[in-house]
Amino acid sequence: MNSEQRSGRPDRAFKLLVTGGGTGGHTYPALTAVRTLQARLAGAGRTTDVLWIGKAGGLEQQVAEAEGIRFAPVATGKIRRAKNPLKMISKANVTDMGRVPLGVLQARSLVADFHPDAVLATGGYVAVPVGLAAKVCRRPLVIHEQTVRLGLTNSLLARVATRVALSSESSLPLLPAGIAEDAVVTGNPVRPELLHGQPDKAVQALGLHGFSAGLPTVYVTGGAQGAKQINDMIRDGLPWLLAKANVIHQCGRGRATELQAAAASLPRELAGRYLVTEYVGPELPDVYALADVVISRSGAGTIAELTALGKASVLVPLASSAANEQVHNAQNLAAAGAAISLVDEVSMETLTAALTPLLADAGRREEIARRARLRGRTDAAERLVDAVLAAADTR
């Protein structure tokens, strides 16, 4: 008998409560897991009843409602971290922490009424009251960590979780012994459509007819919001870069005009190899497929995509990321020869030094891509669903 059959009566819907959000890094792995669970159980002749609990007006509410998933808000409190612990005793932190007990009470009522077969928490401060409510209501709790080191929320919830799902083997030695025993490495779910891109479609959809087929293509991204640090480096290095590569540059809202002006001053042949866009939407799978090298931040979602796809990358971590997680993510990949990481003093000069051997040597690109692919998990969503169903079986 498989876990789909054991998890509750086969004649009723499997009830999954999801929590997590605030950023895409917490929200989209949860959404991918929900879709995967729904497909898995539908194949076994079962339905799925999903409730998503999050912050009112947050990204998670937008995503849940767009997917037709029921959404319920709870009060949340955010801890604003600082290197000096005394600075964490701020008015904003005290006010927000005062909201957590209310959030727990609200979440407890929702969990008790819904009575889920399992609760999946993917991080973000909104997951704290829901995870604690799951413990109080004795519902199986699975937490998923996207980064190498447990975030603040998951560090707390790991102590009450039924299962701890990790994205990286490197996380296991960092866990306390009692928690490591209940941990499973699933990987970080990526949207399945990203795995099936076609380079020719990117050329047609984005009108990349000035691109040179004899040159490698570089995809530059700072995430949905863009990254000024990366944008400025690319702007300053355009003449050098476009002499050696085609470039697709996703720069973030309101930042394209300056970059377009910089490209307009270049010779037509070079300018024709450059596409700058504020946002890459449905074309993203095809852009990834076309790209030989990716320049990006090193958030957990990006790392999951780059490794699942097997892409050579130059990572420029966001130094102010929570708990320095982006630096840890980038250095973890770089140590395995699966990426190049730029930290400390980052400039166009250091970026040029990193890119030069990659753009000149296809073999070097392919070796980094191969090592990245070894660390990727295209089946991460399936593994996470396995963990959720296994947790439901233990109650």
Protein backbone atom coordinates (compact mmCIF):
# COMPACT_ATOMS: atom_id res chain seq x y z
CA MET A 1 0.00 0.00 0.00
CA ASN A 2 1.51 3.34 -1.00
CA SER A 3 1.54 6.56 1.02
CA GLU A 4 -1.24 8.12 -1.05
CA GLN A 5 -3.55 5.27 -0.01
CA ARG A 6 -2.43 5.22 3.63
CA SER A 7 -2.80 8.97 4.18
CA GLY A 8 -6.40 9.16 5.34
CA ARG A 9 -9.42 7.45 3.84
CA PRO A 10 -9.21 7.16 0.04
CA ASP A 11 -12.84 8.25 -0.28
CA ARG A 12 -12.23 11.77 1.02
CA ALA A 13 -10.03 14.70 0.08
CA PHE A 14 -6.54 14.94 1.49
CA LYS A 15 -6.45 18.14 3.53
CA LEU A 16 -3.25 20.17 3.22
CA LEU A 17 -2.68 23.39 5.13
CA VAL A 18 0.09 25.54 3.66
CA THR A 19 1.83 28.48 5.27
CA GLY A 20 4.81 30.60 4.30
CA GLY A 21 5.41 33.66 2.22
CA GLY A 22 6.57 37.24 2.25
CA THR A 23 8.95 36.60 -0.64
CA GLY A 24 8.93 34.47 -3.76
CA GLY A 25 11.63 32.29 -2.23
CA HIS A 26 9.14 31.09 0.39
CA THR A 27 5.98 31.29 -1.70
CA TYR A 28 6.80 29.57 -4.99
CA PRO A 29 8.27 26.35 -3.52
CA ALA A 30 5.03 26.00 -1.56
CA LEU A 31 2.94 26.56 -4.69
CA THR A 32 4.97 24.03 -6.66
CA ALA A 33 4.54 21.48 -3.85
CA VAL A 34 0.76 22.08 -3.81
CA ARG A 35 0.51 21.56 -7.56
CA THR A 36 2.61 18.40 -7.33
CA LEU A 37 0.51 16.97 -4.49
CA GLN A 38 -2.69 17.71 -6.36
CA ALA A 39 -1.40 15.96 -9.48
CA ARG A 40 -0.05 13.00 -7.48
CA LEU A 41 -3.31 12.37 -5.64
CA ALA A 42 -5.45 13.00 -8.71
CA GLY A 43 -3.50 10.22 -10.40
CA ALA A 44 -4.44 7.97 -7.47
CA GLY A 45 -8.12 8.92 -7.77
CA ARG A 46 -8.15 11.32 -4.81
CA THR A 47 -8.91 14.99 -4.45
CA THR A 48 -7.04 17.60 -2.46
CA ASP A 49 -8.45 20.30 -0.20
CA VAL A 50 -5.92 23.10 0.35
CA LEU A 51 -5.99 26.05 2.73
CA TRP A 52 -3.19 28.63 2.64
CA ILE A 53 -2.63 30.78 5.72
CA GLY A 54 -0.52 33.89 5.35
CA LYS A 55 -0.27 37.63 5.71
CA ALA A 56 -3.15 39.74 4.44
CA GLY A 57 -2.08 41.46 1.23
CA GLY A 58 1.17 39.51 1.01
CA LEU A 59 2.57 37.81 -2.07
CA GLU A 60 1.26 34.50 -0.78
CA GLN A 61 -2.32 35.81 -0.86
CA GLN A 62 -1.91 36.98 -4.45
CA VAL A 63 -0.46 33.63 -5.52
CA ALA A 64 -3.00 31.53 -3.63
CA GLU A 65 -5.98 33.43 -4.97
CA ALA A 66 -4.62 33.35 -8.52
CA GLU A 67 -4.44 29.55 -8.19
CA GLY A 68 -7.94 29.26 -6.77
CA ILE A 69 -6.62 28.20 -3.36
CA ARG A 70 -8.56 29.25 -0.27
CA PHE A 71 -6.64 31.84 1.73
CA ALA A 72 -6.98 32.94 5.34
CA PRO A 73 -4.92 35.76 6.91
CA VAL A 74 -3.48 35.85 10.43
CA ALA A 75 -1.67 38.53 12.39
CA THR A 76 2.10 38.36 11.97
CA GLY A 77 5.16 39.79 13.63
CA LYS A 78 8.53 40.34 11.99
CA ILE A 79 11.89 40.41 13.77
CA ARG A 80 14.24 43.00 12.27
CA ARG A 81 17.66 41.54 12.87
CA ALA A 82 20.85 43.44 13.68
CA LYS A 83 24.44 42.46 14.42
CA ASN A 84 24.15 44.21 17.77
CA PRO A 85 21.50 42.30 19.81
CA LEU A 86 20.63 45.45 21.75
CA LYS A 87 19.48 47.14 18.54
CA MET A 88 16.92 44.38 18.07
CA ILE A 89 15.01 45.73 21.06
CA SER A 90 13.35 48.34 18.91
CA LYS A 91 9.83 49.75 19.01
CA ALA A 92 9.00 48.06 15.70
CA ASN A 93 10.22 44.65 16.93
CA VAL A 94 8.41 44.93 20.25
CA THR A 95 5.19 45.96 18.49
CA ASP A 96 5.41 43.16 15.95
CA MET A 97 6.26 40.50 18.53
CA GLY A 98 3.17 41.57 20.43
CA ARG A 99 1.14 40.46 17.41
CA VAL A 100 2.47 36.90 17.46
CA PRO A 101 0.20 35.65 20.31
CA LEU A 102 -2.83 37.00 18.43
CA GLY A 103 -1.60 35.25 15.28
CA VAL A 104 -1.21 31.98 17.17
CA LEU A 105 -4.77 32.23 18.49
CA GLN A 106 -6.12 32.97 15.01
CA ALA A 107 -4.07 30.17 13.49
CA ARG A 108 -5.14 27.70 16.18
CA SER A 109 -8.77 28.36 15.37
CA LEU A 110 -8.14 27.89 11.64
CA VAL A 111 -6.10 24.71 12.13
CA ALA A 112 -8.68 23.22 14.51
CA ASP A 113 -11.56 23.98 12.14
CA PHE A 114 -9.77 22.74 9.01
CA HIS A 115 -8.22 19.71 10.73
CA PRO A 116 -5.56 19.12 8.07
CA ASP A 117 -3.91 15.78 7.35
CA ALA A 118 -0.62 17.68 7.23
CA VAL A 119 0.75 21.23 7.53
CA LEU A 120 3.51 22.42 5.19
CA ALA A 121 5.49 25.51 6.27
CA THR A 122 8.01 27.00 3.86
CA GLY A 123 9.35 29.86 5.96
CA GLY A 124 8.77 33.55 6.39
CA TYR A 125 7.66 35.02 9.69
CA VAL A 126 4.00 34.29 8.94
CA ALA A 127 4.79 30.58 9.35
CA VAL A 128 5.58 30.94 13.06
CA PRO A 129 2.02 31.24 14.44
CA VAL A 130 0.73 28.56 12.07
CA GLY A 131 3.51 26.12 12.91
CA LEU A 132 2.97 26.62 16.63
CA ALA A 133 -0.77 26.16 16.16
CA ALA A 134 -0.12 22.89 14.30
CA LYS A 135 1.84 21.65 17.30
CA VAL A 136 -0.89 22.69 19.74
CA CYS A 137 -3.54 21.01 17.60
CA ARG A 138 -1.36 17.91 17.15
CA ARG A 139 -1.30 18.11 13.38
CA PRO A 140 1.75 16.76 11.49
CA LEU A 141 4.06 19.66 10.59
CA VAL A 142 6.59 19.57 7.75
CA ILE A 143 8.93 22.53 7.43
CA HIS A 144 10.96 23.18 4.30
CA GLU A 145 14.19 25.19 4.32
CA GLN A 146 15.33 26.70 1.04
CA THR A 147 18.77 27.93 2.14
CA VAL A 148 21.87 26.15 3.41
CA ARG A 149 21.36 27.39 6.97
CA LEU A 150 18.00 27.27 8.71
CA GLY A 151 16.31 30.65 8.74
CA LEU A 152 15.05 32.20 11.95
CA THR A 153 11.50 30.90 11.49
CA ASN A 154 12.56 27.34 10.67
CA SER A 155 15.12 27.28 13.48
CA LEU A 156 12.19 27.79 15.85
CA LEU A 157 9.72 25.47 14.13
CA ALA A 158 12.25 22.66 13.64
CA ARG A 159 11.92 21.90 17.35
CA VAL A 160 8.22 21.08 16.98
CA ALA A 161 8.17 19.70 13.43
CA THR A 162 7.34 16.14 12.43
CA ARG A 163 9.69 16.35 9.44
CA VAL A 164 12.41 18.83 8.47
CA ALA A 165 12.91 19.02 4.69
CA LEU A 166 16.19 20.51 3.49
CA SER A 167 17.35 21.77 0.12
CA SER A 168 21.00 20.82 0.53
CA GLU A 169 23.07 17.98 1.98
CA SER A 170 25.32 20.73 3.34
CA SER A 171 22.60 21.66 5.82
CA LEU A 172 22.69 18.34 7.68
CA PRO A 173 25.91 18.96 9.67
CA LEU A 174 24.56 22.35 10.75
CA LEU A 175 21.52 20.86 12.50
CA PRO A 176 21.36 19.92 16.18
CA ALA A 177 21.47 16.14 16.64
CA GLY A 178 17.85 15.84 17.72
CA ILE A 179 16.63 17.72 14.68
CA ALA A 180 18.96 16.04 12.18
CA GLU A 181 17.35 12.69 12.99
CA ASP A 182 14.04 13.89 11.54
CA ALA A 183 15.56 15.66 8.54
CA VAL A 184 15.32 14.62 4.90
CA VAL A 185 17.03 16.24 1.92
CA THR A 186 14.42 16.96 -0.74
CA GLY A 187 15.96 19.83 -2.68
CA ASN A 188 14.17 23.10 -3.36
CA PRO A 189 11.17 22.76 -5.70
CA VAL A 190 11.37 24.63 -8.99
CA ARG A 191 8.51 25.28 -11.36
CA PRO A 192 8.45 22.32 -13.79
CA GLU A 193 7.95 24.58 -16.81
CA LEU A 194 11.47 25.96 -16.28
CA LEU A 195 12.89 22.56 -17.16
CA HIS A 196 11.47 22.51 -20.69
CA GLY A 197 12.63 25.76 -22.30
CA GLN A 198 13.56 26.05 -25.98
CA PRO A 199 16.28 28.49 -27.11
CA ASP A 200 14.65 29.24 -30.47
CA LYS A 201 11.47 30.34 -28.73
CA ALA A 202 13.40 32.96 -26.75
CA VAL A 203 14.86 34.34 -29.97
CA GLN A 204 11.43 34.63 -31.56
CA ALA A 205 9.50 35.85 -28.50
CA LEU A 206 12.03 38.54 -27.56
CA GLY A 207 13.09 39.47 -31.11
CA LEU A 208 16.76 38.66 -30.55
CA HIS A 209 17.58 38.84 -34.25
CA GLY A 210 20.68 40.97 -33.70
CA PHE A 211 22.26 38.27 -31.57
CA SER A 212 25.32 36.52 -32.98
CA ALA A 213 25.01 32.74 -33.19
CA GLY A 214 28.79 32.47 -32.86
CA LEU A 215 28.90 34.10 -29.43
CA PRO A 216 27.77 32.80 -26.03
CA THR A 217 24.65 34.33 -24.49
CA VAL A 218 24.67 35.81 -20.99
CA TYR A 219 21.48 36.21 -18.98
CA VAL A 220 21.75 38.93 -16.31
CA THR A 221 19.16 39.13 -13.56
CA GLY A 222 18.82 40.75 -10.17
CA GLY A 223 15.49 39.09 -9.46
CA ALA A 224 12.04 40.54 -10.00
CA GLN A 225 13.02 43.86 -8.38
CA GLY A 226 16.34 44.07 -10.18
CA ALA A 227 19.67 44.83 -8.51
CA LYS A 228 21.29 48.26 -8.81
CA GLN A 229 24.74 46.86 -8.07
CA ILE A 230 24.52 44.40 -10.96
CA ASN A 231 22.83 46.89 -13.27
CA ASP A 232 25.58 49.46 -12.74
CA MET A 233 28.34 46.94 -13.42
CA ILE A 234 26.72 45.77 -16.64
CA ARG A 235 26.10 49.35 -17.78
CA ASP A 236 29.75 50.27 -17.24
CA GLY A 237 31.01 47.11 -18.91
CA LEU A 238 28.69 46.96 -21.93
CA PRO A 239 31.34 47.78 -24.59
CA TRP A 240 33.63 45.00 -23.32
CA LEU A 241 30.85 42.50 -22.67
CA LEU A 242 29.02 42.91 -25.98
CA ALA A 243 32.25 42.39 -27.89
CA LYS A 244 32.35 38.89 -26.42
CA ALA A 245 28.72 37.88 -25.85
CA ASN A 246 25.03 38.42 -26.45
CA VAL A 247 23.27 39.76 -23.36
CA ILE A 248 19.70 39.50 -22.08
CA HIS A 249 19.42 41.83 -19.08
CA GLN A 250 16.44 41.74 -16.73
CA CYS A 251 16.92 44.95 -14.78
CA GLY A 252 13.78 45.55 -12.68
CA ARG A 253 10.97 48.06 -12.87
CA GLY A 254 11.86 51.63 -13.85
CA ARG A 255 15.52 50.84 -14.55
CA ALA A 256 15.57 50.13 -18.27
CA THR A 257 15.80 53.70 -19.61
CA GLU A 258 19.30 54.37 -18.32
CA LEU A 259 20.57 51.05 -19.63
CA GLN A 260 18.95 51.54 -23.03
CA ALA A 261 20.62 54.93 -23.27
CA ALA A 262 24.01 53.37 -22.54
CA ALA A 263 23.47 50.78 -25.27
CA ALA A 264 22.29 53.42 -27.76
CA SER A 265 25.72 55.07 -27.68
CA LEU A 266 27.41 51.87 -28.87
CA PRO A 267 28.04 50.79 -32.46
CA ARG A 268 24.93 49.24 -34.01
CA GLU A 269 26.46 45.77 -34.20
CA LEU A 270 27.17 45.74 -30.45
CA ALA A 271 23.85 47.33 -29.49
CA GLY A 272 22.04 44.64 -31.48
CA ARG A 273 23.45 42.00 -29.11
CA TYR A 274 21.85 43.59 -26.07
CA LEU A 275 18.27 43.25 -24.87
CA VAL A 276 17.29 45.00 -21.66
CA THR A 277 13.88 44.36 -20.14
CA GLU A 278 12.32 45.21 -16.81
CA TYR A 279 10.80 41.78 -16.37
CA VAL A 280 11.03 38.34 -17.96
CA GLY A 281 7.69 36.55 -17.77
CA PRO A 282 6.51 33.43 -19.60
CA GLU A 283 9.70 33.51 -21.70
CA LEU A 284 11.90 32.67 -18.70
CA PRO A 285 12.20 28.92 -19.44
CA ASP A 286 13.31 29.72 -22.98
CA VAL A 287 15.72 32.45 -21.83
CA TYR A 288 17.33 29.99 -19.44
CA ALA A 289 17.60 27.44 -22.25
CA LEU A 290 19.34 29.99 -24.47
CA ALA A 291 21.75 31.25 -21.80
CA ASP A 292 25.29 29.88 -21.64
CA VAL A 293 26.16 31.92 -18.54
CA VAL A 294 23.91 33.50 -15.89
CA ILE A 295 24.91 36.51 -13.77
CA SER A 296 22.63 36.81 -10.76
CA ARG A 297 22.07 37.14 -7.06
CA SER A 298 22.21 33.92 -5.07
CA GLY A 299 18.85 33.62 -3.38
CA ALA A 300 17.61 30.12 -2.64
CA GLY A 301 15.14 30.06 -5.53
CA THR A 302 17.76 31.17 -8.03
CA ILE A 303 20.23 28.56 -6.78
CA ALA A 304 17.58 25.87 -7.13
CA GLU A 305 16.87 26.91 -10.72
CA LEU A 306 20.52 27.18 -11.75
CA THR A 307 21.39 23.75 -10.38
CA ALA A 308 18.26 22.00 -11.63
CA LEU A 309 18.96 23.38 -15.10
CA GLY A 310 22.73 22.92 -14.91
CA LYS A 311 23.83 26.47 -15.72
CA ALA A 312 27.26 28.05 -15.42
CA SER A 313 26.85 31.14 -13.29
CA VAL A 314 28.61 34.10 -11.75
CA LEU A 315 26.91 34.86 -8.45
CA VAL A 316 26.88 38.30 -6.83
CA PRO A 317 25.32 37.73 -3.37
CA LEU A 318 23.21 40.39 -1.73
CA ALA A 319 25.37 41.30 1.24
CA SER A 320 22.40 42.44 3.33
CA SER A 321 20.39 39.22 2.95
CA ALA A 322 19.02 37.70 6.16
CA ALA A 323 21.73 35.86 8.14
CA ASN A 324 24.06 36.43 5.18
CA GLU A 325 22.26 33.54 3.49
CA GLN A 326 23.06 34.59 -0.08
CA VAL A 327 26.79 34.59 0.64
CA HIS A 328 26.51 31.12 2.16
CA ASN A 329 24.52 29.89 -0.85
CA ALA A 330 27.05 31.27 -3.34
CA GLN A 331 30.12 30.05 -1.47
CA ASN A 332 28.59 26.60 -1.07
CA LEU A 333 28.24 26.27 -4.84
CA ALA A 334 31.61 27.85 -5.56
CA ALA A 335 33.36 25.43 -3.19
CA ALA A 336 32.00 22.57 -5.32
CA GLY A 337 33.19 24.19 -8.56
CA ALA A 338 29.54 24.63 -9.53
CA ALA A 339 29.58 28.44 -9.80
CA ILE A 340 31.83 31.46 -9.47
CA SER A 341 31.11 33.62 -6.43
CA LEU A 342 31.97 37.30 -6.16
CA VAL A 343 31.99 38.66 -2.62
CA ASP A 344 33.59 41.53 -0.73
CA GLU A 345 34.78 44.14 -3.24
CA VAL A 346 32.66 43.56 -6.34
CA SER A 347 33.25 45.73 -9.40
CA MET A 348 33.18 45.49 -13.17
CA GLU A 349 36.87 44.60 -12.96
CA THR A 350 36.22 41.56 -10.76
CA LEU A 351 33.22 40.61 -12.88
CA THR A 352 35.36 40.87 -16.02
CA ALA A 353 38.02 38.64 -14.48
CA ALA A 354 35.36 36.03 -13.66
CA LEU A 355 33.64 36.18 -17.04
CA THR A 356 36.68 36.21 -19.32
CA PRO A 357 37.58 32.49 -19.03
CA LEU A 358 33.90 31.49 -19.14
CA LEU A 359 33.15 33.40 -22.32
CA ALA A 360 36.34 32.24 -24.02
CA ASP A 361 36.16 28.56 -23.13
CA ALA A 362 33.02 26.52 -23.80
CA GLY A 363 34.62 23.54 -22.07
CA ARG A 364 35.01 25.49 -18.84
CA ARG A 365 31.37 26.60 -19.02
CA GLU A 366 30.26 23.04 -19.57
CA GLU A 367 32.29 21.74 -16.62
CA ILE A 368 30.79 24.29 -14.23
CA ALA A 369 27.34 23.53 -15.61
CA ARG A 370 27.95 19.79 -15.11
CA ARG A 371 28.96 20.32 -11.49
CA ALA A 372 25.93 22.56 -10.93
CA ARG A 373 23.65 19.91 -12.38
CA LEU A 374 25.06 17.33 -9.97
CA ARG A 375 23.79 19.48 -7.11
CA GLY A 376 20.39 20.12 -8.66
CA ARG A 377 17.23 18.19 -7.91
CA THR A 378 14.63 18.23 -10.64
CA ASP A 379 12.47 15.95 -8.49
CA ALA A 380 12.52 18.21 -5.41
CA ALA A 381 8.77 18.83 -5.46
CA GLU A 382 8.07 15.09 -5.62
CA ARG A 383 10.45 14.45 -2.71
CA LEU A 384 8.82 17.20 -0.65
CA VAL A 385 5.39 15.71 -1.33
CA ASP A 386 6.78 12.34 -0.21
CA ALA A 387 7.80 13.99 3.08
CA VAL A 388 4.35 15.55 3.54
CA LEU A 389 2.55 12.27 2.90
CA ALA A 390 4.94 10.38 5.17
CA ALA A 391 4.32 12.89 7.96
CA ALA A 392 0.56 12.48 7.52
CA ASP A 393 0.99 8.71 7.89
CA THR A 394 2.64 9.09 11.31
CA ARG A 395 -0.28 10.68 13.12
